[in-house]
Amino acid sequence: MKMKKSRELNQNQINSDYEWLLMQNLSKYSGEWIAVLERRIVARDISLKKTMDKVKSLGLKTMPLFLRVPEGSITT
């Protein structure tokens, strides 16, 4: 039962972060990988591995949402 609750909380956080992302101007991150947690960009780099390494060094208890921002213009 505890594990199910944890998954639900994690899914709620992912949904919240994704909805927040949709409202952001991400053009300055064009071509980069970003890590989002609690409606904040906590790490970024052109390399997914480097972005993940930066997240690991932060010692976060929750895994962030990783997303590659497409190159070029982004419209909302």
PDB file of N, CA and C in Angstrom:
ATOM      1  N   MET A   1       0.822  -1.190   0.000  1.00  0.00           N
ATOM      2  CA  MET A   1       0.000   0.000   0.000  1.00  0.00           C
ATOM      3  C   MET A   1       0.869   1.258   0.000  1.00  0.00           C
ATOM      4  N   LYS A   2       1.949   1.254   0.771  1.00  0.00           N
ATOM      5  CA  LYS A   2       2.839   2.402   0.850  1.00  0.00           C
ATOM      6  C   LYS A   2       3.461   2.704  -0.512  1.00  0.00           C
ATOM      7  N   MET A   3       3.851   1.675  -1.247  1.00  0.00           N
ATOM      8  CA  MET A   3       4.471   1.854  -2.549  1.00  0.00           C
ATOM      9  C   MET A   3       3.493   2.497  -3.523  1.00  0.00           C
ATOM     10  N   LYS A   4       2.237   2.092  -3.492  1.00  0.00           N
ATOM     11  CA  LYS A   4       1.243   2.663  -4.385  1.00  0.00           C
ATOM     12  C   LYS A   4       1.081   4.152  -4.111  1.00  0.00           C
ATOM     13  N   LYS A   5       1.037   4.538  -2.857  1.00  0.00           N
ATOM     14  CA  LYS A   5       0.906   5.942  -2.472  1.00  0.00           C
ATOM     15  C   LYS A   5       2.109   6.733  -2.990  1.00  0.00           C
ATOM     16  N   SER A   6       3.297   6.168  -2.866  1.00  0.00           N
ATOM     17  CA  SER A   6       4.515   6.817  -3.340  1.00  0.00           C
ATOM     18  C   SER A   6       4.468   7.031  -4.849  1.00  0.00           C
ATOM     19  N   ARG A   7       4.006   6.027  -5.590  1.00  0.00           N
ATOM     20  CA  ARG A   7       3.881   6.155  -7.046  1.00  0.00           C
ATOM     21  C   ARG A   7       2.884   7.240  -7.421  1.00  0.00           C
ATOM     22  N   GLU A   8       1.772   7.294  -6.676  1.00  0.00           N
ATOM     23  CA  GLU A   8       0.756   8.315  -6.947  1.00  0.00           C
ATOM     24  C   GLU A   8       1.321   9.708  -6.720  1.00  0.00           C
ATOM     25  N   LEU A   9       2.082   9.880  -5.636  1.00  0.00           N
ATOM     26  CA  LEU A   9       2.693  11.174  -5.362  1.00  0.00           C
ATOM     27  C   LEU A   9       3.676  11.541  -6.459  1.00  0.00           C
ATOM     28  N   ASN A  10       4.473  10.578  -6.893  1.00  0.00           N
ATOM     29  CA  ASN A  10       5.441  10.818  -7.949  1.00  0.00           C
ATOM     30  C   ASN A  10       4.736  11.186  -9.253  1.00  0.00           C
ATOM     31  N   GLN A  11       3.668  10.486  -9.594  1.00  0.00           N
ATOM     32  CA  GLN A  11       2.929  10.783 -10.822  1.00  0.00           C
ATOM     33  C   GLN A  11       2.290  12.164 -10.742  1.00  0.00           C
ATOM     34  N   ASN A  12       1.779  12.525  -9.578  1.00  0.00           N
ATOM     35  CA  ASN A  12       1.212  13.861  -9.407  1.00  0.00           C
ATOM     36  C   ASN A  12       2.270  14.936  -9.605  1.00  0.00           C
ATOM     37  N   GLN A  13       3.480  14.694  -9.094  1.00  0.00           N
ATOM     38  CA  GLN A  13       4.576  15.655  -9.257  1.00  0.00           C
ATOM     39  C   GLN A  13       4.963  15.773 -10.725  1.00  0.00           C
ATOM     40  N   ILE A  14       5.057  14.656 -11.421  1.00  0.00           N
ATOM     41  CA  ILE A  14       5.391  14.672 -12.845  1.00  0.00           C
ATOM     42  C   ILE A  14       4.340  15.448 -13.621  1.00  0.00           C
ATOM     43  N   ASN A  15       3.073  15.189 -13.335  1.00  0.00           N
ATOM     44  CA  ASN A  15       1.995  15.913 -14.020  1.00  0.00           C
ATOM     45  C   ASN A  15       2.079  17.411 -13.758  1.00  0.00           C
ATOM     46  N   SER A  16       2.323  17.782 -12.522  1.00  0.00           N
ATOM     47  CA  SER A  16       2.433  19.190 -12.151  1.00  0.00           C
ATOM     48  C   SER A  16       3.607  19.857 -12.868  1.00  0.00           C
ATOM     49  N   ASP A  17       4.752  19.182 -12.880  1.00  0.00           N
ATOM     50  CA  ASP A  17       5.934  19.728 -13.552  1.00  0.00           C
ATOM     51  C   ASP A  17       5.707  19.853 -15.056  1.00  0.00           C
ATOM     52  N   TYR A  18       5.058  18.865 -15.651  1.00  0.00           N
ATOM     53  CA  TYR A  18       4.792  18.898 -17.091  1.00  0.00           C
ATOM     54  C   TYR A  18       3.849  20.055 -17.434  1.00  0.00           C
ATOM     55  N   GLU A  19       2.801  20.223 -16.648  1.00  0.00           N
ATOM     56  CA  GLU A  19       1.874  21.335 -16.884  1.00  0.00           C
ATOM     57  C   GLU A  19       2.598  22.675 -16.750  1.00  0.00           C
ATOM     58  N   TRP A  20       3.491  22.780 -15.780  1.00  0.00           N
ATOM     59  CA  TRP A  20       4.276  23.999 -15.601  1.00  0.00           C
ATOM     60  C   TRP A  20       5.164  24.247 -16.823  1.00  0.00           C
ATOM     61  N   LEU A  21       5.790  23.177 -17.312  1.00  0.00           N
ATOM     62  CA  LEU A  21       6.665  23.294 -18.484  1.00  0.00           C
ATOM     63  C   LEU A  21       5.929  23.840 -19.701  1.00  0.00           C
ATOM     64  N   LEU A  22       4.694  23.417 -19.880  1.00  0.00           N
ATOM     65  CA  LEU A  22       3.917  23.862 -21.037  1.00  0.00           C
ATOM     66  C   LEU A  22       3.696  25.369 -21.048  1.00  0.00           C
ATOM     67  N   MET A  23       3.790  25.998 -19.902  1.00  0.00           N
ATOM     68  CA  MET A  23       3.555  27.435 -19.781  1.00  0.00           C
ATOM     69  C   MET A  23       4.847  28.254 -19.858  1.00  0.00           C
ATOM     70  N   GLN A  24       5.983  27.592 -19.972  1.00  0.00           N
ATOM     71  CA  GLN A  24       7.270  28.284 -19.929  1.00  0.00           C
ATOM     72  C   GLN A  24       7.821  28.567 -21.323  1.00  0.00           C
ATOM     73  N   ASN A  25       8.580  29.639 -21.424  1.00  0.00           N
ATOM     74  CA  ASN A  25       9.340  29.927 -22.636  1.00  0.00           C
ATOM     75  C   ASN A  25      10.685  29.218 -22.479  1.00  0.00           C
ATOM     76  N   LEU A  26      10.879  28.151 -23.221  1.00  0.00           N
ATOM     77  CA  LEU A  26      12.085  27.336 -23.090  1.00  0.00           C
ATOM     78  C   LEU A  26      13.119  27.637 -24.166  1.00  0.00           C
ATOM     79  N   SER A  27      12.949  28.724 -24.901  1.00  0.00           N
ATOM     80  CA  SER A  27      13.833  29.013 -26.033  1.00  0.00           C
ATOM     81  C   SER A  27      15.302  29.136 -25.621  1.00  0.00           C
ATOM     82  N   LYS A  28      15.575  29.599 -24.412  1.00  0.00           N
ATOM     83  CA  LYS A  28      16.980  29.728 -24.000  1.00  0.00           C
ATOM     84  C   LYS A  28      17.626  28.367 -23.713  1.00  0.00           C
ATOM     85  N   TYR A  29      16.817  27.314 -23.671  1.00  0.00           N
ATOM     86  CA  TYR A  29      17.324  25.956 -23.459  1.00  0.00           C
ATOM     87  C   TYR A  29      17.323  25.137 -24.754  1.00  0.00           C
ATOM     88  N   SER A  30      17.143  25.795 -25.874  1.00  0.00           N
ATOM     89  CA  SER A  30      17.061  25.134 -27.177  1.00  0.00           C
ATOM     90  C   SER A  30      18.241  24.182 -27.393  1.00  0.00           C
ATOM     91  N   GLY A  31      17.930  22.922 -27.706  1.00  0.00           N
ATOM     92  CA  GLY A  31      18.960  21.918 -27.960  1.00  0.00           C
ATOM     93  C   GLY A  31      19.551  21.292 -26.709  1.00  0.00           C
ATOM     94  N   GLU A  32      19.047  21.659 -25.548  1.00  0.00           N
ATOM     95  CA  GLU A  32      19.588  21.143 -24.291  1.00  0.00           C
ATOM     96  C   GLU A  32      18.619  20.164 -23.627  1.00  0.00           C
ATOM     97  N   TRP A  33      19.184  19.344 -22.764  1.00  0.00           N
ATOM     98  CA  TRP A  33      18.396  18.507 -21.871  1.00  0.00           C
ATOM     99  C   TRP A  33      18.172  19.297 -20.598  1.00  0.00           C
ATOM    100  N   ILE A  34      16.955  19.270 -20.087  1.00  0.00           N
ATOM    101  CA  ILE A  34      16.656  19.932 -18.824  1.00  0.00           C
ATOM    102  C   ILE A  34      16.066  18.913 -17.855  1.00  0.00           C
ATOM    103  N   ALA A  35      16.296  19.159 -16.583  1.00  0.00           N
ATOM    104  CA  ALA A  35      15.717  18.338 -15.516  1.00  0.00           C
ATOM    105  C   ALA A  35      14.806  19.248 -14.705  1.00  0.00           C
ATOM    106  N   VAL A  36      13.541  18.846 -14.571  1.00  0.00           N
ATOM    107  CA  VAL A  36      12.543  19.672 -13.896  1.00  0.00           C
ATOM    108  C   VAL A  36      12.024  18.941 -12.661  1.00  0.00           C
ATOM    109  N   LEU A  37      12.006  19.666 -11.557  1.00  0.00           N
ATOM    110  CA  LEU A  37      11.473  19.118 -10.311  1.00  0.00           C
ATOM    111  C   LEU A  37      10.830  20.247  -9.520  1.00  0.00           C
ATOM    112  N   GLU A  38       9.609  20.006  -9.097  1.00  0.00           N
ATOM    113  CA  GLU A  38       8.849  20.973  -8.304  1.00  0.00           C
ATOM    114  C   GLU A  38       8.779  22.335  -8.997  1.00  0.00           C
ATOM    115  N   ARG A  39       8.489  22.278 -10.281  1.00  0.00           N
ATOM    116  CA  ARG A  39       8.296  23.478 -11.102  1.00  0.00           C
ATOM    117  C   ARG A  39       9.541  24.363 -11.174  1.00  0.00           C
ATOM    118  N   ARG A  40      10.693  23.721 -11.162  1.00  0.00           N
ATOM    119  CA  ARG A  40      11.975  24.417 -11.315  1.00  0.00           C
ATOM    120  C   ARG A  40      12.869  23.593 -12.227  1.00  0.00           C
ATOM    121  N   ILE A  41      13.680  24.280 -13.002  1.00  0.00           N
ATOM    122  CA  ILE A  41      14.705  23.599 -13.786  1.00  0.00           C
ATOM    123  C   ILE A  41      15.914  23.476 -12.874  1.00  0.00           C
ATOM    124  N   VAL A  42      16.230  22.238 -12.498  1.00  0.00           N
ATOM    125  CA  VAL A  42      17.285  22.000 -11.513  1.00  0.00           C
ATOM    126  C   VAL A  42      18.636  21.691 -12.150  1.00  0.00           C
ATOM    127  N   ALA A  43      18.645  21.335 -13.443  1.00  0.00           N
ATOM    128  CA  ALA A  43      19.899  21.059 -14.146  1.00  0.00           C
ATOM    129  C   ALA A  43      19.646  21.152 -15.642  1.00  0.00           C
ATOM    130  N   ARG A  44      20.729  21.424 -16.377  1.00  0.00           N
ATOM    131  CA  ARG A  44      20.624  21.480 -17.839  1.00  0.00           C
ATOM    132  C   ARG A  44      21.995  21.272 -18.468  1.00  0.00           C
ATOM    133  N   ASP A  45      22.008  20.721 -19.666  1.00  0.00           N
ATOM    134  CA  ASP A  45      23.242  20.529 -20.424  1.00  0.00           C
ATOM    135  C   ASP A  45      22.862  20.019 -21.810  1.00  0.00           C
ATOM    136  N   ILE A  46      23.790  20.099 -22.753  1.00  0.00           N
ATOM    137  CA  ILE A  46      23.505  19.555 -24.085  1.00  0.00           C
ATOM    138  C   ILE A  46      23.565  18.029 -24.077  1.00  0.00           C
ATOM    139  N   SER A  47      24.192  17.473 -23.054  1.00  0.00           N
ATOM    140  CA  SER A  47      24.322  16.023 -22.912  1.00  0.00           C
ATOM    141  C   SER A  47      23.369  15.508 -21.829  1.00  0.00           C
ATOM    142  N   LEU A  48      22.614  14.465 -22.156  1.00  0.00           N
ATOM    143  CA  LEU A  48      21.735  13.859 -21.152  1.00  0.00           C
ATOM    144  C   LEU A  48      22.555  13.311 -19.991  1.00  0.00           C
ATOM    145  N   LYS A  49      23.668  12.657 -20.292  1.00  0.00           N
ATOM    146  CA  LYS A  49      24.502  12.089 -19.231  1.00  0.00           C
ATOM    147  C   LYS A  49      24.986  13.169 -18.276  1.00  0.00           C
ATOM    148  N   LYS A  50      25.451  14.291 -18.816  1.00  0.00           N
ATOM    149  CA  LYS A  50      25.930  15.379 -17.954  1.00  0.00           C
ATOM    150  C   LYS A  50      24.790  15.981 -17.140  1.00  0.00           C
ATOM    151  N   THR A  51      23.614  16.078 -17.741  1.00  0.00           N
ATOM    152  CA  THR A  51      22.449  16.583 -17.006  1.00  0.00           C
ATOM    153  C   THR A  51      22.123  15.638 -15.856  1.00  0.00           C
ATOM    154  N   MET A  52      22.151  14.340 -16.125  1.00  0.00           N
ATOM    155  CA  MET A  52      21.872  13.350 -15.082  1.00  0.00           C
ATOM    156  C   MET A  52      22.944  13.380 -13.988  1.00  0.00           C
ATOM    157  N   ASP A  53      24.204  13.569 -14.384  1.00  0.00           N
ATOM    158  CA  ASP A  53      25.286  13.672 -13.399  1.00  0.00           C
ATOM    159  C   ASP A  53      25.091  14.891 -12.494  1.00  0.00           C
ATOM    160  N   LYS A  54      24.668  16.005 -13.088  1.00  0.00           N
ATOM    161  CA  LYS A  54      24.413  17.217 -12.299  1.00  0.00           C
ATOM    162  C   LYS A  54      23.288  16.969 -11.303  1.00  0.00           C
ATOM    163  N   VAL A  55      22.235  16.290 -11.747  1.00  0.00           N
ATOM    164  CA  VAL A  55      21.114  15.969 -10.856  1.00  0.00           C
ATOM    165  C   VAL A  55      21.597  15.071  -9.721  1.00  0.00           C
ATOM    166  N   LYS A  56      22.397  14.070 -10.060  1.00  0.00           N
ATOM    167  CA  LYS A  56      22.909  13.146  -9.042  1.00  0.00           C
ATOM    168  C   LYS A  56      23.717  13.898  -7.984  1.00  0.00           C
ATOM    169  N   SER A  57      24.506  14.880  -8.417  1.00  0.00           N
ATOM    170  CA  SER A  57      25.337  15.636  -7.475  1.00  0.00           C
ATOM    171  C   SER A  57      24.505  16.506  -6.531  1.00  0.00           C
ATOM    172  N   LEU A  58      23.261  16.775  -6.898  1.00  0.00           N
ATOM    173  CA  LEU A  58      22.384  17.579  -6.041  1.00  0.00           C
ATOM    174  C   LEU A  58      21.825  16.778  -4.863  1.00  0.00           C
ATOM    175  N   GLY A  59      21.884  15.449  -4.966  1.00  0.00           N
ATOM    176  CA  GLY A  59      21.405  14.585  -3.886  1.00  0.00           C
ATOM    177  C   GLY A  59      19.904  14.678  -3.651  1.00  0.00           C
ATOM    178  N   LEU A  60      19.153  14.814  -4.724  1.00  0.00           N
ATOM    179  CA  LEU A  60      17.701  14.936  -4.613  1.00  0.00           C
ATOM    180  C   LEU A  60      17.080  13.612  -4.184  1.00  0.00           C
ATOM    181  N   LYS A  61      16.002  13.689  -3.415  1.00  0.00           N
ATOM    182  CA  LYS A  61      15.302  12.479  -2.979  1.00  0.00           C
ATOM    183  C   LYS A  61      14.337  11.978  -4.040  1.00  0.00           C
ATOM    184  N   THR A  62      13.923  12.868  -4.932  1.00  0.00           N
ATOM    185  CA  THR A  62      12.969  12.531  -5.983  1.00  0.00           C
ATOM    186  C   THR A  62      13.628  12.724  -7.339  1.00  0.00           C
ATOM    187  N   MET A  63      13.386  11.796  -8.244  1.00  0.00           N
ATOM    188  CA  MET A  63      13.941  11.899  -9.588  1.00  0.00           C
ATOM    189  C   MET A  63      13.157  12.953 -10.374  1.00  0.00           C
ATOM    190  N   PRO A  64      13.852  13.887 -11.018  1.00  0.00           N
ATOM    191  CA  PRO A  64      13.149  14.903 -11.803  1.00  0.00           C
ATOM    192  C   PRO A  64      12.672  14.361 -13.148  1.00  0.00           C
ATOM    193  N   LEU A  65      11.920  15.176 -13.819  1.00  0.00           N
ATOM    194  CA  LEU A  65      11.464  14.899 -15.175  1.00  0.00           C
ATOM    195  C   LEU A  65      12.551  15.392 -16.125  1.00  0.00           C
ATOM    196  N   PHE A  66      13.016  14.527 -17.046  1.00  0.00           N
ATOM    197  CA  PHE A  66      14.035  14.906 -18.021  1.00  0.00           C
ATOM    198  C   PHE A  66      13.372  15.141 -19.367  1.00  0.00           C
ATOM    199  N   LEU A  67      13.813  16.195 -20.044  1.00  0.00           N
ATOM    200  CA  LEU A  67      13.215  16.556 -21.323  1.00  0.00           C
ATOM    201  C   LEU A  67      14.263  17.232 -22.192  1.00  0.00           C
ATOM    202  N   ARG A  68      14.299  16.859 -23.465  1.00  0.00           N
ATOM    203  CA  ARG A  68      15.180  17.563 -24.404  1.00  0.00           C
ATOM    204  C   ARG A  68      14.354  18.632 -25.098  1.00  0.00           C
ATOM    205  N   VAL A  69      14.829  19.861 -25.019  1.00  0.00           N
ATOM    206  CA  VAL A  69      14.152  20.982 -25.658  1.00  0.00           C
ATOM    207  C   VAL A  69      14.572  20.994 -27.124  1.00  0.00           C
ATOM    208  N   PRO A  70      13.618  20.946 -28.043  1.00  0.00           N
ATOM    209  CA  PRO A  70      13.960  20.938 -29.469  1.00  0.00           C
ATOM    210  C   PRO A  70      14.717  22.199 -29.879  1.00  0.00           C
ATOM    211  N   GLU A  71      15.569  22.056 -30.887  1.00  0.00           N
ATOM    212  CA  GLU A  71      16.272  23.221 -31.423  1.00  0.00           C
ATOM    213  C   GLU A  71      15.324  24.020 -32.297  1.00  0.00           C
ATOM    214  N   GLY A  72      15.574  25.306 -32.380  1.00  0.00           N
ATOM    215  CA  GLY A  72      14.738  26.163 -33.217  1.00  0.00           C
ATOM    216  C   GLY A  72      13.646  26.827 -32.421  1.00  0.00           C
ATOM    217  N   SER A  73      12.706  27.405 -33.129  1.00  0.00           N
ATOM    218  CA  SER A  73      11.650  28.160 -32.453  1.00  0.00           C
ATOM    219  C   SER A  73      10.655  27.228 -31.783  1.00  0.00           C
ATOM    220  N   ILE A  74      10.212  27.656 -30.624  1.00  0.00           N
ATOM    221  CA  ILE A  74       9.234  26.903 -29.843  1.00  0.00           C
ATOM    222  C   ILE A  74       8.035  27.814 -29.648  1.00  0.00           C
ATOM    223  N   THR A  75       6.870  27.335 -30.053  1.00  0.00           N
ATOM    224  CA  THR A  75       5.670  28.149 -29.884  1.00  0.00           C
ATOM    225  C   THR A  75       4.726  27.471 -28.915  1.00  0.00           C
ATOM    226  N   THR A  76       3.979  28.289 -28.197  1.00  0.00           N
ATOM    227  CA  THR A  76       2.991  27.735 -27.266  1.00  0.00           C
ATOM    228  C   THR A  76       1.612  28.179 -27.667  1.00  0.00           C
TER     229      THR A  76
END
